[in-house]
Structures are given as C-alpha cells and as structure tokens.
C-alpha atoms as a PDB file:
ATOM      1  CA  UNK A   1     -24.586 -49.527   2.962  1.00  0.00           C
ATOM      2  CA  UNK A   2     -22.808 -47.991   6.451  1.00  0.00           C
ATOM      3  CA  UNK A   3     -23.604 -45.107   8.205  1.00  0.00           C
ATOM      4  CA  UNK A   4     -21.095 -42.773   7.045  1.00  0.00           C
ATOM      5  CA  UNK A   5     -21.534 -43.391   3.565  1.00  0.00           C
ATOM      6  CA  UNK A   6     -25.675 -42.559   3.903  1.00  0.00           C
ATOM      7  CA  UNK A   7     -24.364 -38.938   5.754  1.00  0.00           C
ATOM      8  CA  UNK A   8     -21.815 -38.049   2.908  1.00  0.00           C
ATOM      9  CA  UNK A   9     -24.630 -38.992  -0.076  1.00  0.00           C
ATOM     10  CA  UNK A  10     -27.454 -37.459   2.186  1.00  0.00           C
ATOM     11  CA  UNK A  11     -24.993 -34.221   2.072  1.00  0.00           C
ATOM     12  CA  UNK A  12     -24.495 -34.469  -1.888  1.00  0.00           C
ATOM     13  CA  UNK A  13     -28.054 -35.168  -2.480  1.00  0.00           C
ATOM     14  CA  UNK A  14     -29.091 -31.957  -0.476  1.00  0.00           C
ATOM     15  CA  UNK A  15     -26.408 -29.912  -2.270  1.00  0.00           C
ATOM     16  CA  UNK A  16     -27.021 -31.456  -5.623  1.00  0.00           C
ATOM     17  CA  UNK A  17     -30.806 -30.531  -5.505  1.00  0.00           C
ATOM     18  CA  UNK A  18     -29.690 -26.935  -4.227  1.00  0.00           C
ATOM     19  CA  UNK A  19     -27.472 -26.552  -7.139  1.00  0.00           C
ATOM     20  CA  UNK A  20     -29.766 -28.192  -9.520  1.00  0.00           C
ATOM     21  CA  UNK A  21     -32.444 -26.042  -8.015  1.00  0.00           C
ATOM     22  CA  UNK A  22     -31.168 -23.127  -8.548  1.00  0.00           C
ATOM     23  CA  UNK A  23     -30.614 -21.963  -4.809  1.00  0.00           C
ATOM     24  CA  UNK A  24     -26.928 -21.671  -5.612  1.00  0.00           C
ATOM     25  CA  UNK A  25     -26.274 -19.741  -8.919  1.00  0.00           C
ATOM     26  CA  UNK A  26     -23.960 -20.905 -11.071  1.00  0.00           C
ATOM     27  CA  UNK A  27     -20.583 -19.577 -10.460  1.00  0.00           C
ATOM     28  CA  UNK A  28     -20.864 -19.054  -6.517  1.00  0.00           C
ATOM     29  CA  UNK A  29     -19.057 -20.480  -3.771  1.00  0.00           C
ATOM     30  CA  UNK A  30     -20.194 -23.071  -1.772  1.00  0.00           C
ATOM     31  CA  UNK A  31     -19.420 -22.442   1.781  1.00  0.00           C
ATOM     32  CA  UNK A  32     -15.861 -23.807   2.878  1.00  0.00           C
ATOM     33  CA  UNK A  33     -15.518 -27.308   4.586  1.00  0.00           C
ATOM     34  CA  UNK A  34     -15.655 -25.909   8.383  1.00  0.00           C
ATOM     35  CA  UNK A  35     -18.863 -24.191   7.797  1.00  0.00           C
ATOM     36  CA  UNK A  36     -20.836 -27.302   5.861  1.00  0.00           C
ATOM     37  CA  UNK A  37     -19.664 -29.164   8.908  1.00  0.00           C
ATOM     38  CA  UNK A  38     -21.504 -27.076  11.387  1.00  0.00           C
ATOM     39  CA  UNK A  39     -24.626 -26.947   9.037  1.00  0.00           C
ATOM     40  CA  UNK A  40     -25.274 -30.949   8.418  1.00  0.00           C
ATOM     41  CA  UNK A  41     -23.973 -31.946  11.966  1.00  0.00           C
ATOM     42  CA  UNK A  42     -21.043 -34.064   9.957  1.00  0.00           C
ATOM     43  CA  UNK A  43     -17.452 -34.445   9.826  1.00  0.00           C
ATOM     44  CA  UNK A  44     -14.670 -32.557   7.549  1.00  0.00           C
ATOM     45  CA  UNK A  45     -14.239 -36.166   5.944  1.00  0.00           C
ATOM     46  CA  UNK A  46     -17.839 -36.821   5.145  1.00  0.00           C
ATOM     47  CA  UNK A  47     -18.481 -33.105   3.480  1.00  0.00           C
ATOM     48  CA  UNK A  48     -15.218 -33.971   1.632  1.00  0.00           C
ATOM     49  CA  UNK A  49     -16.387 -37.460   0.212  1.00  0.00           C
ATOM     50  CA  UNK A  50     -19.936 -35.335  -0.490  1.00  0.00           C
ATOM     51  CA  UNK A  51     -18.188 -32.578  -2.198  1.00  0.00           C
ATOM     52  CA  UNK A  52     -16.423 -34.824  -4.384  1.00  0.00           C
ATOM     53  CA  UNK A  53     -19.399 -37.114  -5.504  1.00  0.00           C
ATOM     54  CA  UNK A  54     -20.719 -33.583  -6.146  1.00  0.00           C
ATOM     55  CA  UNK A  55     -17.424 -33.272  -8.643  1.00  0.00           C
ATOM     56  CA  UNK A  56     -17.836 -36.407 -10.279  1.00  0.00           C
ATOM     57  CA  UNK A  57     -21.005 -35.640 -11.079  1.00  0.00           C
ATOM     58  CA  UNK A  58     -20.150 -32.165 -12.799  1.00  0.00           C
ATOM     59  CA  UNK A  59     -22.347 -29.920 -10.491  1.00  0.00           C
ATOM     60  CA  UNK A  60     -18.324 -28.268  -8.586  1.00  0.00           C
ATOM     61  CA  UNK A  61     -14.771 -28.130  -9.060  1.00  0.00           C
ATOM     62  CA  UNK A  62     -12.824 -27.441  -6.491  1.00  0.00           C
ATOM     63  CA  UNK A  63     -10.033 -25.115  -6.166  1.00  0.00           C
ATOM     64  CA  UNK A  64      -8.008 -25.516  -3.173  1.00  0.00           C
ATOM     65  CA  UNK A  65      -6.314 -22.678  -1.483  1.00  0.00           C
ATOM     66  CA  UNK A  66      -7.110 -20.347  -4.196  1.00  0.00           C
ATOM     67  CA  UNK A  67      -8.154 -17.005  -2.719  1.00  0.00           C
ATOM     68  CA  UNK A  68      -8.627 -14.994  -5.831  1.00  0.00           C
ATOM     69  CA  UNK A  69      -9.383 -15.876  -9.012  1.00  0.00           C
ATOM     70  CA  UNK A  70      -9.020 -14.039 -12.576  1.00  0.00           C
ATOM     71  CA  UNK A  71     -11.458 -13.716 -15.333  1.00  0.00           C
ATOM     72  CA  UNK A  72     -11.697 -12.924 -18.652  1.00  0.00           C
ATOM     73  CA  UNK A  73     -15.293 -12.579 -20.388  1.00  0.00           C
ATOM     74  CA  UNK A  74     -16.715 -14.303 -17.124  1.00  0.00           C
ATOM     75  CA  UNK A  75     -14.483 -17.271 -17.282  1.00  0.00           C
ATOM     76  CA  UNK A  76     -12.199 -18.409 -14.257  1.00  0.00           C
ATOM     77  CA  UNK A  77      -8.364 -18.380 -15.496  1.00  0.00           C
ATOM     78  CA  UNK A  78      -5.755 -20.601 -14.295  1.00  0.00           C
ATOM     79  CA  UNK A  79      -2.680 -18.342 -14.600  1.00  0.00           C
ATOM     80  CA  UNK A  80      -0.589 -19.728 -12.992  1.00  0.00           C
ATOM     81  CA  UNK A  81       1.440 -21.049 -16.057  1.00  0.00           C
ATOM     82  CA  UNK A  82       0.817 -17.631 -17.987  1.00  0.00           C
ATOM     83  CA  UNK A  83      -1.492 -15.649 -19.287  1.00  0.00           C
ATOM     84  CA  UNK A  84      -1.033 -16.685 -22.679  1.00  0.00           C
ATOM     85  CA  UNK A  85      -1.484 -20.347 -21.512  1.00  0.00           C
ATOM     86  CA  UNK A  86      -4.751 -19.521 -19.621  1.00  0.00           C
ATOM     87  CA  UNK A  87      -6.157 -17.609 -22.795  1.00  0.00           C
ATOM     88  CA  UNK A  88      -5.189 -20.129 -24.864  1.00  0.00           C
ATOM     89  CA  UNK A  89      -7.522 -22.645 -22.734  1.00  0.00           C
ATOM     90  CA  UNK A  90     -10.156 -20.139 -22.401  1.00  0.00           C
ATOM     91  CA  UNK A  91     -10.125 -20.639 -26.431  1.00  0.00           C
ATOM     92  CA  UNK A  92      -9.415 -16.882 -27.118  1.00  0.00           C
ATOM     93  CA  UNK A  93      -6.095 -16.190 -29.415  1.00  0.00           C
ATOM     94  CA  UNK A  94      -3.847 -14.167 -28.618  1.00  0.00           C
ATOM     95  CA  UNK A  95      -0.507 -12.705 -30.025  1.00  0.00           C
ATOM     96  CA  UNK A  96       2.010 -11.894 -27.938  1.00  0.00           C
ATOM     97  CA  UNK A  97       4.863  -9.551 -28.250  1.00  0.00           C
ATOM     98  CA  UNK A  98       8.461  -9.256 -25.925  1.00  0.00           C
ATOM     99  CA  UNK A  99       8.733  -5.648 -25.509  1.00  0.00           C
ATOM    100  CA  UNK A 100      11.893  -6.174 -23.285  1.00  0.00           C
ATOM    101  CA  UNK A 101      14.204  -9.173 -22.601  1.00  0.00           C
ATOM    102  CA  UNK A 102      17.293  -8.085 -20.248  1.00  0.00           C
ATOM    103  CA  UNK A 103      19.003  -8.463 -17.021  1.00  0.00           C
ATOM    104  CA  UNK A 104      18.368  -5.453 -15.030  1.00  0.00           C
ATOM    105  CA  UNK A 105      19.206  -3.878 -11.333  1.00  0.00           C
ATOM    106  CA  UNK A 106      15.985  -3.031  -9.372  1.00  0.00           C
ATOM    107  CA  UNK A 107      16.869  -2.372  -5.483  1.00  0.00           C
ATOM    108  CA  UNK A 108      13.936  -1.602  -4.799  1.00  0.00           C
ATOM    109  CA  UNK A 109      12.377  -4.525  -5.806  1.00  0.00           C
ATOM    110  CA  UNK A 110      15.165  -7.157  -4.079  1.00  0.00           C
ATOM    111  CA  UNK A 111      14.659  -4.901  -0.666  1.00  0.00           C
ATOM    112  CA  UNK A 112      10.588  -5.738  -1.469  1.00  0.00           C
ATOM    113  CA  UNK A 113      11.892  -9.165  -1.795  1.00  0.00           C
ATOM    114  CA  UNK A 114      14.128  -9.346   0.699  1.00  0.00           C
ATOM    115  CA  UNK A 115      16.592 -11.135  -1.638  1.00  0.00           C
ATOM    116  CA  UNK A 116      20.569  -9.940  -1.304  1.00  0.00           C
ATOM    117  CA  UNK A 117      21.103  -9.717  -4.924  1.00  0.00           C
ATOM    118  CA  UNK A 118      19.482  -6.974  -7.083  1.00  0.00           C
ATOM    119  CA  UNK A 119      19.687  -8.169 -10.637  1.00  0.00           C
ATOM    120  CA  UNK A 120      16.560  -9.629 -12.286  1.00  0.00           C
ATOM    121  CA  UNK A 121      15.441 -11.243 -15.628  1.00  0.00           C
ATOM    122  CA  UNK A 122      12.866  -8.453 -17.146  1.00  0.00           C
ATOM    123  CA  UNK A 123      10.269  -9.659 -18.975  1.00  0.00           C
ATOM    124  CA  UNK A 124       8.221  -7.402 -20.688  1.00  0.00           C
ATOM    125  CA  UNK A 125       5.148  -8.307 -23.103  1.00  0.00           C
ATOM    126  CA  UNK A 126       2.027  -7.250 -24.399  1.00  0.00           C
ATOM    127  CA  UNK A 127      -0.525  -9.280 -25.237  1.00  0.00           C
ATOM    128  CA  UNK A 128      -2.939  -8.904 -28.431  1.00  0.00           C
ATOM    129  CA  UNK A 129      -6.377 -10.047 -29.999  1.00  0.00           C
ATOM    130  CA  UNK A 130      -6.841 -11.175 -33.277  1.00  0.00           C
ATOM    131  CA  UNK A 131      -8.808  -8.059 -33.753  1.00  0.00           C
ATOM    132  CA  UNK A 132      -5.640  -6.023 -32.774  1.00  0.00           C
ATOM    133  CA  UNK A 133      -7.296  -4.949 -29.542  1.00  0.00           C
ATOM    134  CA  UNK A 134      -4.458  -5.012 -26.632  1.00  0.00           C
ATOM    135  CA  UNK A 135      -5.363  -5.922 -23.395  1.00  0.00           C
ATOM    136  CA  UNK A 136      -3.149  -6.798 -21.786  1.00  0.00           C
ATOM    137  CA  UNK A 137       0.524  -5.576 -20.306  1.00  0.00           C
ATOM    138  CA  UNK A 138       3.079  -7.724 -18.798  1.00  0.00           C
ATOM    139  CA  UNK A 139       6.222  -6.467 -16.640  1.00  0.00           C
ATOM    140  CA  UNK A 140       7.833 -10.032 -15.031  1.00  0.00           C
ATOM    141  CA  UNK A 141      10.932  -9.703 -12.943  1.00  0.00           C
ATOM    142  CA  UNK A 142      12.664 -13.101 -12.431  1.00  0.00           C
ATOM    143  CA  UNK A 143      15.550 -13.186  -9.302  1.00  0.00           C
ATOM    144  CA  UNK A 144      18.393 -13.673 -11.041  1.00  0.00           C
ATOM    145  CA  UNK A 145      20.045 -17.295 -11.152  1.00  0.00           C
ATOM    146  CA  UNK A 146      23.372 -18.042 -13.753  1.00  0.00           C
ATOM    147  CA  UNK A 147      21.110 -20.414 -15.505  1.00  0.00           C
ATOM    148  CA  UNK A 148      19.529 -17.414 -16.422  1.00  0.00           C
ATOM    149  CA  UNK A 149      22.136 -15.404 -18.122  1.00  0.00           C
ATOM    150  CA  UNK A 150      21.918 -16.705 -21.276  1.00  0.00           C
ATOM    151  CA  UNK A 151      18.256 -16.138 -21.682  1.00  0.00           C
ATOM    152  CA  UNK A 152      18.721 -12.363 -23.373  1.00  0.00           C
ATOM    153  CA  UNK A 153      20.440 -13.639 -26.298  1.00  0.00           C
ATOM    154  CA  UNK A 154      18.451 -17.038 -26.395  1.00  0.00           C
ATOM    155  CA  UNK A 155      15.302 -15.640 -26.144  1.00  0.00           C
ATOM    156  CA  UNK A 156      12.213 -17.878 -24.451  1.00  0.00           C
ATOM    157  CA  UNK A 157      11.884 -21.311 -24.664  1.00  0.00           C
ATOM    158  CA  UNK A 158       8.953 -21.659 -26.617  1.00  0.00           C
ATOM    159  CA  UNK A 159       8.383 -18.004 -26.386  1.00  0.00           C
ATOM    160  CA  UNK A 160       7.098 -18.835 -22.528  1.00  0.00           C
ATOM    161  CA  UNK A 161       8.431 -17.844 -19.595  1.00  0.00           C
ATOM    162  CA  UNK A 162       6.842 -20.628 -17.538  1.00  0.00           C
ATOM    163  CA  UNK A 163       8.859 -22.887 -19.531  1.00  0.00           C
ATOM    164  CA  UNK A 164      12.047 -20.956 -19.246  1.00  0.00           C
ATOM    165  CA  UNK A 165      12.277 -20.877 -15.751  1.00  0.00           C
ATOM    166  CA  UNK A 166      10.999 -24.637 -15.557  1.00  0.00           C
ATOM    167  CA  UNK A 167      13.910 -25.793 -17.794  1.00  0.00           C
ATOM    168  CA  UNK A 168      16.386 -24.508 -15.316  1.00  0.00           C
ATOM    169  CA  UNK A 169      14.575 -25.810 -11.961  1.00  0.00           C
ATOM    170  CA  UNK A 170      12.310 -22.689 -11.308  1.00  0.00           C
ATOM    171  CA  UNK A 171       8.590 -23.775 -10.755  1.00  0.00           C
ATOM    172  CA  UNK A 172       5.969 -21.773  -8.868  1.00  0.00           C
ATOM    173  CA  UNK A 173       3.880 -23.768  -5.863  1.00  0.00           C
ATOM    174  CA  UNK A 174       2.056 -21.002  -4.730  1.00  0.00           C
ATOM    175  CA  UNK A 175       2.033 -17.343  -4.280  1.00  0.00           C
ATOM    176  CA  UNK A 176       0.128 -14.224  -3.520  1.00  0.00           C
ATOM    177  CA  UNK A 177      -1.576 -11.113  -5.813  1.00  0.00           C
ATOM    178  CA  UNK A 178      -3.384  -7.868  -4.935  1.00  0.00           C
ATOM    179  CA  UNK A 179      -5.334  -6.237  -7.176  1.00  0.00           C
ATOM    180  CA  UNK A 180      -5.837  -2.357  -7.814  1.00  0.00           C
ATOM    181  CA  UNK A 181      -7.766  -0.129 -10.454  1.00  0.00           C
ATOM    182  CA  UNK A 182      -5.087   2.199 -12.055  1.00  0.00           C
ATOM    183  CA  UNK A 183      -5.204   5.137 -14.736  1.00  0.00           C
ATOM    184  CA  UNK A 184      -2.707   4.835 -17.744  1.00  0.00           C
ATOM    185  CA  UNK A 185       0.273   6.859 -17.370  1.00  0.00           C
ATOM    186  CA  UNK A 186       1.783   8.145 -20.779  1.00  0.00           C
ATOM    187  CA  UNK A 187       3.796   5.198 -21.493  1.00  0.00           C
ATOM    188  CA  UNK A 188       1.501   2.512 -20.724  1.00  0.00           C
ATOM    189  CA  UNK A 189      -1.353   4.174 -22.706  1.00  0.00           C
ATOM    190  CA  UNK A 190       0.780   4.462 -25.595  1.00  0.00           C
ATOM    191  CA  UNK A 191       2.146   0.113 -25.441  1.00  0.00           C
ATOM    192  CA  UNK A 192      -1.607  -0.457 -24.519  1.00  0.00           C
ATOM    193  CA  UNK A 193      -2.818   1.589 -27.625  1.00  0.00           C
ATOM    194  CA  UNK A 194      -5.420   3.505 -25.329  1.00  0.00           C
ATOM    195  CA  UNK A 195      -5.668   6.805 -23.936  1.00  0.00           C
ATOM    196  CA  UNK A 196      -3.602   8.203 -21.195  1.00  0.00           C
ATOM    197  CA  UNK A 197      -5.787   7.996 -17.876  1.00  0.00           C
ATOM    198  CA  UNK A 198      -8.033   5.328 -19.229  1.00  0.00           C
ATOM    199  CA  UNK A 199      -8.286   2.727 -16.430  1.00  0.00           C
ATOM    200  CA  UNK A 200      -7.155  -0.344 -16.162  1.00  0.00           C
ATOM    201  CA  UNK A 201      -7.028  -3.588 -13.573  1.00  0.00           C
ATOM    202  CA  UNK A 202      -3.782  -3.778 -11.785  1.00  0.00           C
ATOM    203  CA  UNK A 203      -2.711  -7.419 -10.767  1.00  0.00           C
ATOM    204  CA  UNK A 204       0.443  -7.804  -8.708  1.00  0.00           C
ATOM    205  CA  UNK A 205       1.471 -11.771  -8.540  1.00  0.00           C
ATOM    206  CA  UNK A 206       4.442 -13.299  -6.596  1.00  0.00           C
ATOM    207  CA  UNK A 207       5.278 -16.538  -7.141  1.00  0.00           C
ATOM    208  CA  UNK A 208       6.951 -18.453  -5.044  1.00  0.00           C
ATOM    209  CA  UNK A 209       9.050 -22.108  -4.821  1.00  0.00           C
ATOM    210  CA  UNK A 210       8.154 -25.118  -2.581  1.00  0.00           C
ATOM    211  CA  UNK A 211      10.278 -23.405   0.091  1.00  0.00           C
ATOM    212  CA  UNK A 212       9.067 -20.085  -0.096  1.00  0.00           C
ATOM    213  CA  UNK A 213      11.513 -18.124  -2.421  1.00  0.00           C
ATOM    214  CA  UNK A 214      10.413 -15.520  -4.686  1.00  0.00           C
ATOM    215  CA  UNK A 215      10.300 -17.144  -7.912  1.00  0.00           C
ATOM    216  CA  UNK A 216       8.513 -14.379 -10.178  1.00  0.00           C
ATOM    217  CA  UNK A 217       7.404 -10.768  -9.699  1.00  0.00           C
ATOM    218  CA  UNK A 218       4.695  -9.780 -11.959  1.00  0.00           C
ATOM    219  CA  UNK A 219       2.621  -6.544 -12.730  1.00  0.00           C
ATOM    220  CA  UNK A 220       0.070  -7.047 -15.208  1.00  0.00           C
ATOM    221  CA  UNK A 221      -1.930  -4.287 -16.393  1.00  0.00           C
ATOM    222  CA  UNK A 222      -5.378  -5.984 -17.512  1.00  0.00           C
ATOM    223  CA  UNK A 223      -8.422  -4.454 -19.738  1.00  0.00           C
ATOM    224  CA  UNK A 224     -11.074  -4.067 -17.677  1.00  0.00           C
ATOM    225  CA  UNK A 225     -13.696  -4.843 -19.898  1.00  0.00           C
ATOM    226  CA  UNK A 226     -12.437  -8.190 -20.192  1.00  0.00           C
ATOM    227  CA  UNK A 227     -10.674  -9.000 -17.144  1.00  0.00           C
ATOM    228  CA  UNK A 228     -12.085  -8.788 -13.224  1.00  0.00           C
ATOM    229  CA  UNK A 229     -10.631 -10.353 -10.194  1.00  0.00           C
ATOM    230  CA  UNK A 230     -13.001 -12.452  -8.086  1.00  0.00           C
ATOM    231  CA  UNK A 231     -11.803 -12.829  -4.190  1.00  0.00           C
ATOM    232  CA  UNK A 232     -13.484 -15.017  -1.298  1.00  0.00           C
ATOM    233  CA  UNK A 233     -12.585 -15.144   2.041  1.00  0.00           C
ATOM    234  CA  UNK A 234     -12.831 -17.561   4.678  1.00  0.00           C
ATOM    235  CA  UNK A 235     -11.486 -21.838   4.606  1.00  0.00           C
ATOM    236  CA  UNK A 236     -10.712 -23.042   0.721  1.00  0.00           C
ATOM    237  CA  UNK A 237     -14.124 -24.284  -0.957  1.00  0.00           C
ATOM    238  CA  UNK A 238     -15.655 -25.425  -4.094  1.00  0.00           C
ATOM    239  CA  UNK A 239     -17.211 -23.575  -6.827  1.00  0.00           C
END
C-alpha cells in the first residue's frame, strides 16, 4: 500500500471514530478541507480521499458550495428546484395553489438586479399541508424573455416553475440567498391564514445562470415552526 493511501485511510479512520463515538454530532459540519489539511498535516488531495471514504461509508454527505441550508422540521431541504419538490423529497405532501401568474413591470427590482428591462414573469404561490396548515407563501419574479410570453395563458409546465424555465433553456446554476424574521402584514396574514404581526422567516433568493445572469428572484415567507435556516462559514465542507 502506498504512503498516500495509508495517509487518507488514517485520516478517514480517525474522523470515523470521532463520528461514531459521538464526538461530532449528527448534523454538525466537519471543518473545511483547509482546516483538515492543517489538523492532520496532509495534502488537500489526501483530505478529499478521506472524505470520499467517509461518504462511501454513509457517515457524511457533501454539499460543495453550500453557504446556507434551509431545513424543514430538522431535515435539510434541497430547494434549488423549488419548495414543492424539496418537500416531496422530504416525504411531506403539500398542495400548491397559484395565486398569480402574469407579466408585470417592476422598475425597482430591475434596478436591483442591474437589468435593462423591467418586465418579469410573476408567479405567486401558497403551499398547504394536508391538514390545511399554510406553511409558505412564495413570490417569484423571472426576468422576461419572449419565450415566456405565453406562460400566463398556458400555465406552468407540470405545475412547476423550474420545469417551465428549463423548457426555454433557463437553468439555475448558482445563486445567493439571505434571510430575516418579519411580522406578517395584513395581506400576507390573510393569504397564510394567520394573525397579522405573526413572525415568519423571509428568505430572499436569487438564482443565476452559468454565466451569472439572474434567472429568478424569489421571496419566500416560511412558517418558523417548521422551517429554519442554517448557515456556515469558511470553506465549503462536509456534513
């Protein structure tokens, strides 16, 4: 066995013992690759091989480039393809109601996104659990393209905005998001069937194309009794 192989197996063995012994809590994030190279005095390639072994053993899952993670009742949601799909993958049945589907003008948002045109495809949706509890209100704004002109009349492809955008070649490759707690105003409180002033988690997300152009601006109001936002700092690491 080569010295390189012995090194990454040693690193994996030590981390595995720590995880199995409970020294690293389930859901906690391992140090980033740079920190692990310093800790074990090995190369980054060695650390990556060690992490690969841990992943193969089912001890960790990797999320490269993830800076903040939204969870639903404690489980991580991959909401890059929309909240409905993320909740379905979580095993939670939700009913999605489209409240608004039209082309709108929004000069302020166009300025924020540095766009020349102020036209957007607007998609507003509310999501409801089987017991009737409304858990989220989402307002999506997609910079207008001619291919989107018929969407308000035709409806979303398979009821999905992600599928609709993909059908015209608009695919989110990266993005950024921010979150804050806000009191529901009168309008949003009615839509979510809550009392005005109830605190909700507001997550604003901008999805971008591979070239960095904005594809989707989404503002979601999420029930804080079921959703939370986890963040990390430093290098992308492993769970």
